[in-house]
């Protein structure tokens, strides 16, 4: 953590926010990996539509990983970058098997809701210290994850 920064947020507060964002980064990265896995391995009558849907989602998640990591760096902390660390920090669990298409959709729906909850949990601290840049990032992430969960859930009806 860079101690000599003067951005209106104390080092202790920056460290705490970066810690929360590291969990968000881990959840996002694991969701990216799972979505990409499902993109590659989906089968069945909905193959075309789900293959394209998952591609759009993992592309968005790849961009989000970078944005979250760069915000952690802007706060003066180092972003976690190992899979072992992500597995320790994340609420999302990886999928090692090959579930059916509807099970993929169910998992991704739950996982997007989980990532939304992770993002939402950072708001109180970001608001308390007037970290609008982090709050803006969190709002963007919430919008994506809530909308994506809704769209996936629509496939289950």
C-alpha atoms as a PDB file:
ATOM      1  CA  UNK A   1       0.000   0.000   0.000  1.00  0.00           C
ATOM      2  CA  UNK A   2       1.325   3.402  -0.971  1.00  0.00           C
ATOM      3  CA  UNK A   3       1.307   5.514   2.191  1.00  0.00           C
ATOM      4  CA  UNK A   4       2.168   8.931   0.743  1.00  0.00           C
ATOM      5  CA  UNK A   5      -0.987   9.382  -1.304  1.00  0.00           C
ATOM      6  CA  UNK A   6      -3.173  12.411  -0.581  1.00  0.00           C
ATOM      7  CA  UNK A   7      -6.498  11.823  -2.315  1.00  0.00           C
ATOM      8  CA  UNK A   8      -8.788  12.673   0.580  1.00  0.00           C
ATOM      9  CA  UNK A   9      -9.134   9.070   1.748  1.00  0.00           C
ATOM     10  CA  UNK A  10      -6.896   7.810   4.544  1.00  0.00           C
ATOM     11  CA  UNK A  11      -4.508   4.922   4.030  1.00  0.00           C
ATOM     12  CA  UNK A  12      -6.543   2.742   6.404  1.00  0.00           C
ATOM     13  CA  UNK A  13      -9.756   3.475   4.475  1.00  0.00           C
ATOM     14  CA  UNK A  14      -8.042   2.851   1.129  1.00  0.00           C
ATOM     15  CA  UNK A  15      -6.719  -0.481   2.392  1.00  0.00           C
ATOM     16  CA  UNK A  16     -10.178  -1.515   3.576  1.00  0.00           C
ATOM     17  CA  UNK A  17     -11.838  -0.550   0.299  1.00  0.00           C
ATOM     18  CA  UNK A  18      -9.096  -2.321  -1.685  1.00  0.00           C
ATOM     19  CA  UNK A  19      -9.670  -5.445   0.402  1.00  0.00           C
ATOM     20  CA  UNK A  20     -13.373  -5.423  -0.437  1.00  0.00           C
ATOM     21  CA  UNK A  21     -12.626  -4.740  -4.093  1.00  0.00           C
ATOM     22  CA  UNK A  22     -10.195  -7.673  -4.087  1.00  0.00           C
ATOM     23  CA  UNK A  23     -13.103  -9.950  -3.159  1.00  0.00           C
ATOM     24  CA  UNK A  24     -15.161  -8.402  -5.959  1.00  0.00           C
ATOM     25  CA  UNK A  25     -12.253  -8.974  -8.351  1.00  0.00           C
ATOM     26  CA  UNK A  26     -12.000 -12.630  -7.297  1.00  0.00           C
ATOM     27  CA  UNK A  27     -15.749 -13.193  -7.729  1.00  0.00           C
ATOM     28  CA  UNK A  28     -15.697 -11.479 -11.110  1.00  0.00           C
ATOM     29  CA  UNK A  29     -12.696 -13.460 -12.320  1.00  0.00           C
ATOM     30  CA  UNK A  30     -14.187 -16.801 -11.302  1.00  0.00           C
ATOM     31  CA  UNK A  31     -17.494 -15.862 -12.917  1.00  0.00           C
ATOM     32  CA  UNK A  32     -15.578 -14.909 -16.066  1.00  0.00           C
ATOM     33  CA  UNK A  33     -13.852 -18.296 -16.096  1.00  0.00           C
ATOM     34  CA  UNK A  34     -17.085 -20.217 -15.465  1.00  0.00           C
ATOM     35  CA  UNK A  35     -18.949 -18.283 -18.154  1.00  0.00           C
ATOM     36  CA  UNK A  36     -16.153 -18.883 -20.660  1.00  0.00           C
ATOM     37  CA  UNK A  37     -16.168 -22.589 -19.746  1.00  0.00           C
ATOM     38  CA  UNK A  38     -19.919 -22.752 -20.340  1.00  0.00           C
ATOM     39  CA  UNK A  39     -19.520 -20.887 -23.652  1.00  0.00           C
ATOM     40  CA  UNK A  40     -17.100 -23.558 -24.830  1.00  0.00           C
ATOM     41  CA  UNK A  41     -19.040 -26.541 -23.498  1.00  0.00           C
ATOM     42  CA  UNK A  42     -22.749 -25.772 -23.831  1.00  0.00           C
ATOM     43  CA  UNK A  43     -24.724 -28.362 -25.797  1.00  0.00           C
ATOM     44  CA  UNK A  44     -28.312 -28.950 -26.761  1.00  0.00           C
ATOM     45  CA  UNK A  45     -31.055 -27.307 -28.793  1.00  0.00           C
ATOM     46  CA  UNK A  46     -30.229 -23.833 -27.435  1.00  0.00           C
ATOM     47  CA  UNK A  47     -26.543 -24.112 -28.340  1.00  0.00           C
ATOM     48  CA  UNK A  48     -26.428 -21.170 -30.762  1.00  0.00           C
ATOM     49  CA  UNK A  49     -28.262 -18.692 -28.573  1.00  0.00           C
ATOM     50  CA  UNK A  50     -26.499 -19.700 -25.340  1.00  0.00           C
ATOM     51  CA  UNK A  51     -23.074 -19.834 -26.973  1.00  0.00           C
ATOM     52  CA  UNK A  52     -23.531 -16.227 -28.132  1.00  0.00           C
ATOM     53  CA  UNK A  53     -25.123 -15.110 -24.852  1.00  0.00           C
ATOM     54  CA  UNK A  54     -22.251 -16.508 -22.794  1.00  0.00           C
ATOM     55  CA  UNK A  55     -19.708 -14.922 -25.154  1.00  0.00           C
ATOM     56  CA  UNK A  56     -21.192 -11.486 -24.595  1.00  0.00           C
ATOM     57  CA  UNK A  57     -21.171 -12.047 -20.851  1.00  0.00           C
ATOM     58  CA  UNK A  58     -17.595 -13.283 -20.563  1.00  0.00           C
ATOM     59  CA  UNK A  59     -16.404 -10.424 -22.778  1.00  0.00           C
ATOM     60  CA  UNK A  60     -18.021  -7.916 -20.408  1.00  0.00           C
ATOM     61  CA  UNK A  61     -16.576  -9.720 -17.388  1.00  0.00           C
ATOM     62  CA  UNK A  62     -13.062  -9.629 -18.879  1.00  0.00           C
ATOM     63  CA  UNK A  63     -13.305  -5.850 -19.155  1.00  0.00           C
ATOM     64  CA  UNK A  64     -14.687  -5.610 -15.616  1.00  0.00           C
ATOM     65  CA  UNK A  65     -11.763  -7.573 -14.171  1.00  0.00           C
ATOM     66  CA  UNK A  66      -9.406  -4.953 -15.566  1.00  0.00           C
ATOM     67  CA  UNK A  67     -11.480  -2.027 -14.276  1.00  0.00           C
ATOM     68  CA  UNK A  68     -11.703  -3.461 -10.767  1.00  0.00           C
ATOM     69  CA  UNK A  69      -7.978  -4.261 -10.631  1.00  0.00           C
ATOM     70  CA  UNK A  70      -7.101  -0.768 -11.858  1.00  0.00           C
ATOM     71  CA  UNK A  71      -9.303   0.800  -9.169  1.00  0.00           C
ATOM     72  CA  UNK A  72      -7.473  -1.244  -6.530  1.00  0.00           C
ATOM     73  CA  UNK A  73      -4.187   0.081  -7.929  1.00  0.00           C
ATOM     74  CA  UNK A  74      -5.513   3.652  -7.987  1.00  0.00           C
ATOM     75  CA  UNK A  75      -6.203   3.265  -4.257  1.00  0.00           C
ATOM     76  CA  UNK A  76      -2.526   2.418  -3.775  1.00  0.00           C
ATOM     77  CA  UNK A  77      -2.857  -1.338  -3.204  1.00  0.00           C
ATOM     78  CA  UNK A  78      -1.714  -4.271  -5.289  1.00  0.00           C
ATOM     79  CA  UNK A  79      -4.452  -6.202  -7.064  1.00  0.00           C
ATOM     80  CA  UNK A  80      -4.495  -9.937  -6.408  1.00  0.00           C
ATOM     81  CA  UNK A  81      -3.525 -11.843  -9.521  1.00  0.00           C
ATOM     82  CA  UNK A  82      -3.217 -15.531  -8.728  1.00  0.00           C
ATOM     83  CA  UNK A  83      -5.850 -18.168  -9.124  1.00  0.00           C
ATOM     84  CA  UNK A  84      -5.010 -19.534  -5.652  1.00  0.00           C
ATOM     85  CA  UNK A  85      -5.753 -16.131  -4.126  1.00  0.00           C
ATOM     86  CA  UNK A  86      -8.974 -15.785  -6.106  1.00  0.00           C
ATOM     87  CA  UNK A  87     -10.163 -19.163  -4.833  1.00  0.00           C
ATOM     88  CA  UNK A  88      -9.534 -18.033  -1.239  1.00  0.00           C
ATOM     89  CA  UNK A  89     -11.281 -14.672  -1.648  1.00  0.00           C
ATOM     90  CA  UNK A  90     -14.241 -15.566  -3.874  1.00  0.00           C
ATOM     91  CA  UNK A  91     -17.804 -16.480  -2.995  1.00  0.00           C
ATOM     92  CA  UNK A  92     -18.232 -18.001  -6.470  1.00  0.00           C
ATOM     93  CA  UNK A  93     -17.236 -21.640  -6.837  1.00  0.00           C
ATOM     94  CA  UNK A  94     -15.673 -23.002  -9.987  1.00  0.00           C
ATOM     95  CA  UNK A  95     -17.396 -25.679 -12.061  1.00  0.00           C
ATOM     96  CA  UNK A  96     -15.215 -28.660 -12.878  1.00  0.00           C
ATOM     97  CA  UNK A  97     -17.880 -30.738 -14.597  1.00  0.00           C
ATOM     98  CA  UNK A  98     -20.061 -30.271 -17.658  1.00  0.00           C
ATOM     99  CA  UNK A  99     -23.600 -29.492 -16.515  1.00  0.00           C
ATOM    100  CA  UNK A 100     -26.604 -29.454 -18.814  1.00  0.00           C
ATOM    101  CA  UNK A 101     -27.522 -26.110 -20.393  1.00  0.00           C
ATOM    102  CA  UNK A 102     -30.314 -25.328 -17.910  1.00  0.00           C
ATOM    103  CA  UNK A 103     -27.987 -26.088 -14.990  1.00  0.00           C
ATOM    104  CA  UNK A 104     -25.439 -23.718 -16.510  1.00  0.00           C
ATOM    105  CA  UNK A 105     -28.073 -20.995 -16.620  1.00  0.00           C
ATOM    106  CA  UNK A 106     -29.128 -21.696 -13.024  1.00  0.00           C
ATOM    107  CA  UNK A 107     -25.518 -21.522 -11.810  1.00  0.00           C
ATOM    108  CA  UNK A 108     -24.769 -18.328 -13.703  1.00  0.00           C
ATOM    109  CA  UNK A 109     -27.970 -16.703 -12.429  1.00  0.00           C
ATOM    110  CA  UNK A 110     -27.010 -17.460  -8.816  1.00  0.00           C
ATOM    111  CA  UNK A 111     -23.436 -16.378  -9.417  1.00  0.00           C
ATOM    112  CA  UNK A 112     -24.417 -13.017 -10.903  1.00  0.00           C
ATOM    113  CA  UNK A 113     -26.653 -12.446  -7.881  1.00  0.00           C
ATOM    114  CA  UNK A 114     -23.724 -13.341  -5.612  1.00  0.00           C
ATOM    115  CA  UNK A 115     -21.400 -10.905  -7.369  1.00  0.00           C
ATOM    116  CA  UNK A 116     -24.071  -8.208  -7.131  1.00  0.00           C
ATOM    117  CA  UNK A 117     -24.255  -8.819  -3.369  1.00  0.00           C
ATOM    118  CA  UNK A 118     -20.452  -8.626  -3.125  1.00  0.00           C
ATOM    119  CA  UNK A 119     -20.458  -5.302  -4.982  1.00  0.00           C
ATOM    120  CA  UNK A 120     -23.319  -3.974  -2.870  1.00  0.00           C
ATOM    121  CA  UNK A 121     -21.437  -4.812   0.345  1.00  0.00           C
ATOM    122  CA  UNK A 122     -18.693  -2.291  -0.518  1.00  0.00           C
ATOM    123  CA  UNK A 123     -21.069   0.679  -0.842  1.00  0.00           C
ATOM    124  CA  UNK A 124     -21.354   1.588   2.860  1.00  0.00           C
ATOM    125  CA  UNK A 125     -17.599   2.091   3.229  1.00  0.00           C
ATOM    126  CA  UNK A 126     -17.187   3.839  -0.132  1.00  0.00           C
ATOM    127  CA  UNK A 127     -20.061   6.184   0.747  1.00  0.00           C
ATOM    128  CA  UNK A 128     -18.771   6.817   4.254  1.00  0.00           C
ATOM    129  CA  UNK A 129     -15.400   8.065   2.967  1.00  0.00           C
ATOM    130  CA  UNK A 130     -16.850   9.828  -0.116  1.00  0.00           C
ATOM    131  CA  UNK A 131     -15.085   7.502  -2.556  1.00  0.00           C
ATOM    132  CA  UNK A 132     -17.272   8.365  -5.510  1.00  0.00           C
ATOM    133  CA  UNK A 133     -14.955   6.678  -8.017  1.00  0.00           C
ATOM    134  CA  UNK A 134     -15.381   3.325  -6.290  1.00  0.00           C
ATOM    135  CA  UNK A 135     -19.123   3.943  -5.858  1.00  0.00           C
ATOM    136  CA  UNK A 136     -19.402   4.667  -9.591  1.00  0.00           C
ATOM    137  CA  UNK A 137     -17.585   1.428 -10.425  1.00  0.00           C
ATOM    138  CA  UNK A 138     -19.843  -0.494  -8.040  1.00  0.00           C
ATOM    139  CA  UNK A 139     -22.970   1.024  -9.585  1.00  0.00           C
ATOM    140  CA  UNK A 140     -21.805  -0.045 -13.045  1.00  0.00           C
ATOM    141  CA  UNK A 141     -21.085  -3.574 -11.818  1.00  0.00           C
ATOM    142  CA  UNK A 142     -24.452  -3.843 -10.047  1.00  0.00           C
ATOM    143  CA  UNK A 143     -26.289  -2.711 -13.160  1.00  0.00           C
ATOM    144  CA  UNK A 144     -24.586  -5.407 -15.250  1.00  0.00           C
ATOM    145  CA  UNK A 145     -24.966  -8.269 -12.766  1.00  0.00           C
ATOM    146  CA  UNK A 146     -28.588  -7.546 -11.893  1.00  0.00           C
ATOM    147  CA  UNK A 147     -29.573  -7.192 -15.548  1.00  0.00           C
ATOM    148  CA  UNK A 148     -27.667 -10.336 -16.513  1.00  0.00           C
ATOM    149  CA  UNK A 149     -29.261 -12.341 -13.684  1.00  0.00           C
ATOM    150  CA  UNK A 150     -32.696 -11.169 -14.851  1.00  0.00           C
ATOM    151  CA  UNK A 151     -31.962 -12.141 -18.460  1.00  0.00           C
ATOM    152  CA  UNK A 152     -30.644 -15.561 -17.459  1.00  0.00           C
ATOM    153  CA  UNK A 153     -33.575 -16.135 -15.096  1.00  0.00           C
ATOM    154  CA  UNK A 154     -35.905 -15.448 -18.030  1.00  0.00           C
ATOM    155  CA  UNK A 155     -34.515 -18.553 -19.741  1.00  0.00           C
ATOM    156  CA  UNK A 156     -35.640 -20.649 -16.777  1.00  0.00           C
ATOM    157  CA  UNK A 157     -39.338 -19.733 -16.950  1.00  0.00           C
END
